[in-house]
Amino acid sequence: MSSQSLEEPSAPSPDHSSESTNVENTEGCAADSLKRRKSLETIPSKDLRGPDAPSPRSVVALRRSILAPHIIVLYAGHQSAWGRQGVAFKGYRRFAKLIFDAYILHPSRSPPREFRPFRKTDYSQFWKIYDYLKDDFLARARMIPRFAVASSTLDEAAEESLTLQSVGWHEMMQNIVSIRIEYTIPEEYPGKAWIQQFLHARGAKRLQ
């Protein structure tokens, strides 16, 4: 028997080529994913329009990363910050009522309830005026938005003429920078003289 036949067959050497290929593919995918994410984070607002725009989910993620957690509300020279998610979940009508309470007439100014048979109390008079002005505000007040990413079909002048509506309120609040409130209290309304005198007597600012 020859020495060549006595030799044990050598074990096949492990093939590392497939493993290295898998590692390279994994690292390549991770690098590509990181590049895509970084490119999305640096997309300017103007690139969010047109046929080459990223997916809606990517746009939402981008907006959430760049928008502040608050919305600026402007009314009659006053500015205040309102939490974005709080405004979104309140809805149009409840948010409008909060604006009325904050800037026009707050319920805390109401006089205490008292019992006066056969006479109209200050309490009932106050709430009658409050309900009248609140309903007027909800009907006539205009909420003019400034969007972080405006529609590609609107120029700046057209956007200024927009007014917010209740439909899609939650979605719109994710793309809002500020809301300007336009409203003027009626020159005449039931109980005007009484409420102005009432507020003045308590050192509160008169309705304007």
C-alpha atoms as a PDB file:
ATOM      1  CA  MET A   1       0.000   0.000   0.000  1.00  0.00           C
ATOM      2  CA  SER A   2       1.495   3.314  -0.957  1.00  0.00           C
ATOM      3  CA  SER A   3       2.093   6.111   1.477  1.00  0.00           C
ATOM      4  CA  GLN A   4      -0.264   8.272  -0.545  1.00  0.00           C
ATOM      5  CA  SER A   5      -3.197   5.969   0.177  1.00  0.00           C
ATOM      6  CA  LEU A   6      -2.490   5.949   3.922  1.00  0.00           C
ATOM      7  CA  GLU A   7      -2.847   9.665   4.242  1.00  0.00           C
ATOM      8  CA  GLU A   8      -6.117  10.811   5.737  1.00  0.00           C
ATOM      9  CA  PRO A   9      -8.132  13.046   3.533  1.00  0.00           C
ATOM     10  CA  SER A  10      -7.752  16.648   4.597  1.00  0.00           C
ATOM     11  CA  ALA A  11     -10.851  18.426   5.934  1.00  0.00           C
ATOM     12  CA  PRO A  12     -12.266  20.940   3.502  1.00  0.00           C
ATOM     13  CA  SER A  13     -11.344  24.447   4.395  1.00  0.00           C
ATOM     14  CA  PRO A  14     -14.294  26.580   5.514  1.00  0.00           C
ATOM     15  CA  ASP A  15     -15.666  28.820   2.857  1.00  0.00           C
ATOM     16  CA  HIS A  16     -15.680  32.324   4.304  1.00  0.00           C
ATOM     17  CA  SER A  17     -16.645  33.953   1.065  1.00  0.00           C
ATOM     18  CA  SER A  18     -20.422  33.629   1.641  1.00  0.00           C
ATOM     19  CA  GLU A  19     -20.166  34.895   5.224  1.00  0.00           C
ATOM     20  CA  SER A  20     -18.107  37.878   4.194  1.00  0.00           C
ATOM     21  CA  THR A  21     -20.571  38.582   1.428  1.00  0.00           C
ATOM     22  CA  ASN A  22     -23.480  38.525   3.905  1.00  0.00           C
ATOM     23  CA  VAL A  23     -21.647  40.855   6.281  1.00  0.00           C
ATOM     24  CA  GLU A  24     -20.847  43.235   3.466  1.00  0.00           C
ATOM     25  CA  ASN A  25     -24.475  43.187   2.296  1.00  0.00           C
ATOM     26  CA  THR A  26     -25.744  43.861   5.830  1.00  0.00           C
ATOM     27  CA  GLU A  27     -23.317  46.707   6.358  1.00  0.00           C
ATOM     28  CA  GLY A  28     -24.200  48.100   2.939  1.00  0.00           C
ATOM     29  CA  CYS A  29     -27.933  48.050   3.713  1.00  0.00           C
ATOM     30  CA  ALA A  30     -27.359  49.755   7.043  1.00  0.00           C
ATOM     31  CA  ALA A  31     -25.224  52.424   5.385  1.00  0.00           C
ATOM     32  CA  ASP A  32     -27.865  53.010   2.702  1.00  0.00           C
ATOM     33  CA  SER A  33     -30.598  53.257   5.327  1.00  0.00           C
ATOM     34  CA  LEU A  34     -28.570  55.799   7.303  1.00  0.00           C
ATOM     35  CA  LYS A  35     -27.964  57.839   4.159  1.00  0.00           C
ATOM     36  CA  ARG A  36     -31.670  57.868   3.328  1.00  0.00           C
ATOM     37  CA  ARG A  37     -32.570  58.939   6.838  1.00  0.00           C
ATOM     38  CA  LYS A  38     -29.995  61.720   6.846  1.00  0.00           C
ATOM     39  CA  SER A  39     -31.111  62.902   3.437  1.00  0.00           C
ATOM     40  CA  LEU A  40     -34.721  63.038   4.667  1.00  0.00           C
ATOM     41  CA  GLU A  41     -33.731  65.037   7.722  1.00  0.00           C
ATOM     42  CA  THR A  42     -32.040  67.632   5.539  1.00  0.00           C
ATOM     43  CA  ILE A  43     -34.785  67.960   2.904  1.00  0.00           C
ATOM     44  CA  PRO A  44     -35.804  71.647   2.629  1.00  0.00           C
ATOM     45  CA  SER A  45     -39.478  72.439   2.683  1.00  0.00           C
ATOM     46  CA  LYS A  46     -39.600  73.313  -1.002  1.00  0.00           C
ATOM     47  CA  ASP A  47     -38.478  69.780  -1.897  1.00  0.00           C
ATOM     48  CA  LEU A  48     -41.532  68.313  -0.210  1.00  0.00           C
ATOM     49  CA  ARG A  49     -43.573  69.160  -3.268  1.00  0.00           C
ATOM     50  CA  GLY A  50     -43.670  67.846  -6.806  1.00  0.00           C
ATOM     51  CA  PRO A  51     -43.353  64.418  -8.365  1.00  0.00           C
ATOM     52  CA  ASP A  52     -40.099  63.604  -6.578  1.00  0.00           C
ATOM     53  CA  ALA A  53     -41.507  64.299  -3.111  1.00  0.00           C
ATOM     54  CA  PRO A  54     -40.898  61.700  -0.360  1.00  0.00           C
ATOM     55  CA  SER A  55     -43.679  59.488   0.910  1.00  0.00           C
ATOM     56  CA  PRO A  56     -46.398  61.004   3.147  1.00  0.00           C
ATOM     57  CA  ARG A  57     -45.075  59.011   6.115  1.00  0.00           C
ATOM     58  CA  SER A  58     -41.612  60.499   5.603  1.00  0.00           C
ATOM     59  CA  VAL A  59     -43.064  63.996   5.380  1.00  0.00           C
ATOM     60  CA  VAL A  60     -44.950  63.534   8.665  1.00  0.00           C
ATOM     61  CA  ALA A  61     -41.768  62.304  10.353  1.00  0.00           C
ATOM     62  CA  LEU A  62     -39.851  65.270   9.020  1.00  0.00           C
ATOM     63  CA  ARG A  63     -42.445  67.791  10.172  1.00  0.00           C
ATOM     64  CA  ARG A  64     -42.509  66.355  13.669  1.00  0.00           C
ATOM     65  CA  SER A  65     -38.731  66.618  13.847  1.00  0.00           C
ATOM     66  CA  ILE A  66     -38.569  70.285  12.814  1.00  0.00           C
ATOM     67  CA  LEU A  67     -41.764  71.821  14.222  1.00  0.00           C
ATOM     68  CA  ALA A  68     -41.874  73.230  17.735  1.00  0.00           C
ATOM     69  CA  PRO A  69     -44.229  71.546  20.217  1.00  0.00           C
ATOM     70  CA  HIS A  70     -46.367  74.684  20.323  1.00  0.00           C
ATOM     71  CA  ILE A  71     -48.491  76.832  18.022  1.00  0.00           C
ATOM     72  CA  ILE A  72     -48.400  80.633  18.268  1.00  0.00           C
ATOM     73  CA  VAL A  73     -51.851  82.209  18.527  1.00  0.00           C
ATOM     74  CA  LEU A  74     -52.178  85.897  17.652  1.00  0.00           C
ATOM     75  CA  TYR A  75     -55.170  88.055  18.486  1.00  0.00           C
ATOM     76  CA  ALA A  76     -55.535  91.840  18.781  1.00  0.00           C
ATOM     77  CA  GLY A  77     -51.825  92.412  19.366  1.00  0.00           C
ATOM     78  CA  HIS A  78     -51.493  89.551  21.854  1.00  0.00           C
ATOM     79  CA  GLN A  79     -49.336  86.482  21.294  1.00  0.00           C
ATOM     80  CA  SER A  80     -49.460  83.229  23.231  1.00  0.00           C
ATOM     81  CA  ALA A  81     -48.138  79.706  22.816  1.00  0.00           C
ATOM     82  CA  TRP A  82     -50.529  76.745  22.810  1.00  0.00           C
ATOM     83  CA  GLY A  83     -49.429  73.109  22.901  1.00  0.00           C
ATOM     84  CA  ARG A  84     -49.648  71.570  19.448  1.00  0.00           C
ATOM     85  CA  GLN A  85     -51.103  68.225  20.470  1.00  0.00           C
ATOM     86  CA  GLY A  86     -53.471  69.857  22.949  1.00  0.00           C
ATOM     87  CA  VAL A  87     -54.869  72.121  20.234  1.00  0.00           C
ATOM     88  CA  ALA A  88     -55.135  69.163  17.857  1.00  0.00           C
ATOM     89  CA  PHE A  89     -57.112  67.008  20.266  1.00  0.00           C
ATOM     90  CA  LYS A  90     -59.408  69.841  21.379  1.00  0.00           C
ATOM     91  CA  GLY A  91     -60.925  70.173  17.942  1.00  0.00           C
ATOM     92  CA  TYR A  92     -62.040  73.320  16.160  1.00  0.00           C
ATOM     93  CA  ARG A  93     -65.054  74.297  18.262  1.00  0.00           C
ATOM     94  CA  ARG A  94     -63.537  73.612  21.682  1.00  0.00           C
ATOM     95  CA  PHE A  95     -60.350  75.423  20.713  1.00  0.00           C
ATOM     96  CA  ALA A  96     -62.365  78.411  19.484  1.00  0.00           C
ATOM     97  CA  LYS A  97     -64.215  78.516  22.811  1.00  0.00           C
ATOM     98  CA  LEU A  98     -60.900  78.506  24.679  1.00  0.00           C
ATOM     99  CA  ILE A  99     -59.751  81.440  22.556  1.00  0.00           C
ATOM    100  CA  PHE A 100     -62.964  83.302  23.385  1.00  0.00           C
ATOM    101  CA  ASP A 101     -62.518  82.633  27.108  1.00  0.00           C
ATOM    102  CA  ALA A 102     -58.870  83.706  27.018  1.00  0.00           C
ATOM    103  CA  TYR A 103     -59.241  86.941  25.057  1.00  0.00           C
ATOM    104  CA  ILE A 104     -62.878  88.074  25.108  1.00  0.00           C
ATOM    105  CA  LEU A 105     -64.784  87.141  28.259  1.00  0.00           C
ATOM    106  CA  HIS A 106     -63.716  84.512  30.775  1.00  0.00           C
ATOM    107  CA  PRO A 107     -66.293  82.611  32.898  1.00  0.00           C
ATOM    108  CA  SER A 108     -64.261  83.393  36.014  1.00  0.00           C
ATOM    109  CA  ARG A 109     -65.526  86.976  35.792  1.00  0.00           C
ATOM    110  CA  SER A 110     -69.035  85.794  36.502  1.00  0.00           C
ATOM    111  CA  PRO A 111     -70.623  87.167  39.696  1.00  0.00           C
ATOM    112  CA  PRO A 112     -71.718  84.615  42.290  1.00  0.00           C
ATOM    113  CA  ARG A 113     -75.104  83.008  41.975  1.00  0.00           C
ATOM    114  CA  GLU A 114     -77.748  84.633  44.168  1.00  0.00           C
ATOM    115  CA  PHE A 115     -81.449  84.253  44.743  1.00  0.00           C
ATOM    116  CA  ARG A 116     -83.619  87.238  43.886  1.00  0.00           C
ATOM    117  CA  PRO A 117     -87.228  86.345  43.264  1.00  0.00           C
ATOM    118  CA  PHE A 118     -88.872  88.274  40.455  1.00  0.00           C
ATOM    119  CA  ARG A 119     -85.626  90.116  39.607  1.00  0.00           C
ATOM    120  CA  LYS A 120     -82.943  89.436  37.054  1.00  0.00           C
ATOM    121  CA  THR A 121     -79.722  88.744  38.895  1.00  0.00           C
ATOM    122  CA  ASP A 122     -76.237  89.841  37.863  1.00  0.00           C
ATOM    123  CA  TYR A 123     -75.380  86.173  37.505  1.00  0.00           C
ATOM    124  CA  SER A 124     -78.083  85.505  34.926  1.00  0.00           C
ATOM    125  CA  GLN A 125     -77.338  88.779  33.129  1.00  0.00           C
ATOM    126  CA  PHE A 126     -73.648  87.919  32.838  1.00  0.00           C
ATOM    127  CA  TRP A 127     -74.258  84.463  31.396  1.00  0.00           C
ATOM    128  CA  LYS A 128     -76.818  85.748  28.945  1.00  0.00           C
ATOM    129  CA  ILE A 129     -74.254  88.165  27.543  1.00  0.00           C
ATOM    130  CA  TYR A 130     -71.512  85.532  27.669  1.00  0.00           C
ATOM    131  CA  ASP A 131     -73.563  83.049  25.638  1.00  0.00           C
ATOM    132  CA  TYR A 132     -74.526  85.699  23.092  1.00  0.00           C
ATOM    133  CA  LEU A 133     -70.951  86.851  22.480  1.00  0.00           C
ATOM    134  CA  LYS A 134     -69.574  83.305  22.494  1.00  0.00           C
ATOM    135  CA  ASP A 135     -72.049  82.227  19.802  1.00  0.00           C
ATOM    136  CA  ASP A 136     -71.188  85.328  17.790  1.00  0.00           C
ATOM    137  CA  PHE A 137     -67.482  84.558  18.082  1.00  0.00           C
ATOM    138  CA  LEU A 138     -67.936  80.950  16.986  1.00  0.00           C
ATOM    139  CA  ALA A 139     -69.954  82.116  13.995  1.00  0.00           C
ATOM    140  CA  ARG A 140     -67.841  85.042  12.784  1.00  0.00           C
ATOM    141  CA  ALA A 141     -64.264  84.613  14.002  1.00  0.00           C
ATOM    142  CA  ARG A 142     -61.727  83.736  11.305  1.00  0.00           C
ATOM    143  CA  MET A 143     -58.699  81.560  12.036  1.00  0.00           C
ATOM    144  CA  ILE A 144     -55.982  82.292   9.506  1.00  0.00           C
ATOM    145  CA  PRO A 145     -53.168  79.714   9.507  1.00  0.00           C
ATOM    146  CA  ARG A 146     -49.523  79.853   8.599  1.00  0.00           C
ATOM    147  CA  PHE A 147     -48.442  76.408   7.475  1.00  0.00           C
ATOM    148  CA  ALA A 148     -44.944  75.023   7.888  1.00  0.00           C
ATOM    149  CA  VAL A 149     -45.242  73.339   4.495  1.00  0.00           C
ATOM    150  CA  ALA A 150     -47.723  75.100   2.258  1.00  0.00           C
ATOM    151  CA  SER A 151     -49.589  73.547  -0.626  1.00  0.00           C
ATOM    152  CA  SER A 152     -47.680  73.718  -3.894  1.00  0.00           C
ATOM    153  CA  THR A 153     -50.772  75.209  -5.555  1.00  0.00           C
ATOM    154  CA  LEU A 154     -50.889  78.278  -3.297  1.00  0.00           C
ATOM    155  CA  ASP A 155     -48.748  81.377  -3.284  1.00  0.00           C
ATOM    156  CA  GLU A 156     -48.246  83.502  -0.179  1.00  0.00           C
ATOM    157  CA  ALA A 157     -51.123  85.860  -0.979  1.00  0.00           C
ATOM    158  CA  ALA A 158     -53.529  82.979  -1.506  1.00  0.00           C
ATOM    159  CA  GLU A 159     -52.452  81.340   1.746  1.00  0.00           C
ATOM    160  CA  GLU A 160     -53.226  84.557   3.622  1.00  0.00           C
ATOM    161  CA  SER A 161     -56.838  84.303   2.477  1.00  0.00           C
ATOM    162  CA  LEU A 162     -57.306  80.795   3.894  1.00  0.00           C
ATOM    163  CA  THR A 163     -59.415  80.146   6.962  1.00  0.00           C
ATOM    164  CA  LEU A 164     -59.269  76.991   9.047  1.00  0.00           C
ATOM    165  CA  GLN A 165     -62.287  74.715   9.182  1.00  0.00           C
ATOM    166  CA  SER A 166     -63.236  71.866  11.498  1.00  0.00           C
ATOM    167  CA  VAL A 167     -62.794  69.047   8.959  1.00  0.00           C
ATOM    168  CA  GLY A 168     -59.304  67.543   9.242  1.00  0.00           C
ATOM    169  CA  TRP A 169     -58.443  69.748  12.212  1.00  0.00           C
ATOM    170  CA  HIS A 170     -56.146  67.209  13.903  1.00  0.00           C
ATOM    171  CA  GLU A 171     -54.140  66.589  10.724  1.00  0.00           C
ATOM    172  CA  MET A 172     -53.772  70.294   9.931  1.00  0.00           C
ATOM    173  CA  MET A 173     -52.412  71.070  13.399  1.00  0.00           C
ATOM    174  CA  GLN A 174     -49.386  68.872  12.609  1.00  0.00           C
ATOM    175  CA  ASN A 175     -48.362  71.376   9.921  1.00  0.00           C
ATOM    176  CA  ILE A 176     -49.254  74.689  11.585  1.00  0.00           C
ATOM    177  CA  VAL A 177     -46.781  77.317  12.791  1.00  0.00           C
ATOM    178  CA  SER A 178     -49.232  80.002  13.901  1.00  0.00           C
ATOM    179  CA  ILE A 179     -52.915  80.926  13.868  1.00  0.00           C
ATOM    180  CA  ARG A 180     -54.071  84.526  13.604  1.00  0.00           C
ATOM    181  CA  ILE A 181     -57.551  85.234  14.988  1.00  0.00           C
ATOM    182  CA  GLU A 182     -59.615  87.927  13.297  1.00  0.00           C
ATOM    183  CA  TYR A 183     -62.701  89.010  15.190  1.00  0.00           C
ATOM    184  CA  THR A 184     -64.408  92.241  16.154  1.00  0.00           C
ATOM    185  CA  ILE A 185     -66.974  92.419  18.941  1.00  0.00           C
ATOM    186  CA  PRO A 186     -70.314  93.751  17.658  1.00  0.00           C
ATOM    187  CA  GLU A 187     -70.818  97.446  18.197  1.00  0.00           C
ATOM    188  CA  GLU A 188     -74.217  96.728  19.687  1.00  0.00           C
ATOM    189  CA  TYR A 189     -75.400  93.633  21.552  1.00  0.00           C
ATOM    190  CA  PRO A 190     -77.890  92.924  24.356  1.00  0.00           C
ATOM    191  CA  GLY A 191     -76.590  94.059  27.740  1.00  0.00           C
ATOM    192  CA  LYS A 192     -73.568  95.963  26.391  1.00  0.00           C
ATOM    193  CA  ALA A 193     -73.871  98.889  28.794  1.00  0.00           C
ATOM    194  CA  TRP A 194     -74.384  96.560  31.751  1.00  0.00           C
ATOM    195  CA  ILE A 195     -71.373  94.294  31.046  1.00  0.00           C
ATOM    196  CA  GLN A 196     -69.045  97.226  30.420  1.00  0.00           C
ATOM    197  CA  GLN A 197     -70.070  98.846  33.704  1.00  0.00           C
ATOM    198  CA  PHE A 198     -69.861  95.513  35.500  1.00  0.00           C
ATOM    199  CA  LEU A 199     -66.307  94.820  34.302  1.00  0.00           C
ATOM    200  CA  HIS A 200     -65.164  98.382  34.976  1.00  0.00           C
ATOM    201  CA  ALA A 201     -66.467  98.242  38.539  1.00  0.00           C
ATOM    202  CA  ARG A 202     -64.365  95.133  39.191  1.00  0.00           C
ATOM    203  CA  GLY A 203     -61.216  96.557  37.637  1.00  0.00           C
ATOM    204  CA  ALA A 204     -61.382  94.268  34.620  1.00  0.00           C
ATOM    205  CA  LYS A 205     -60.641  95.365  31.094  1.00  0.00           C
ATOM    206  CA  ARG A 206     -63.667  96.414  29.126  1.00  0.00           C
ATOM    207  CA  LEU A 207     -64.684  94.449  26.093  1.00  0.00           C
ATOM    208  CA  GLN A 208     -63.242  95.867  22.877  1.00  0.00           C
END
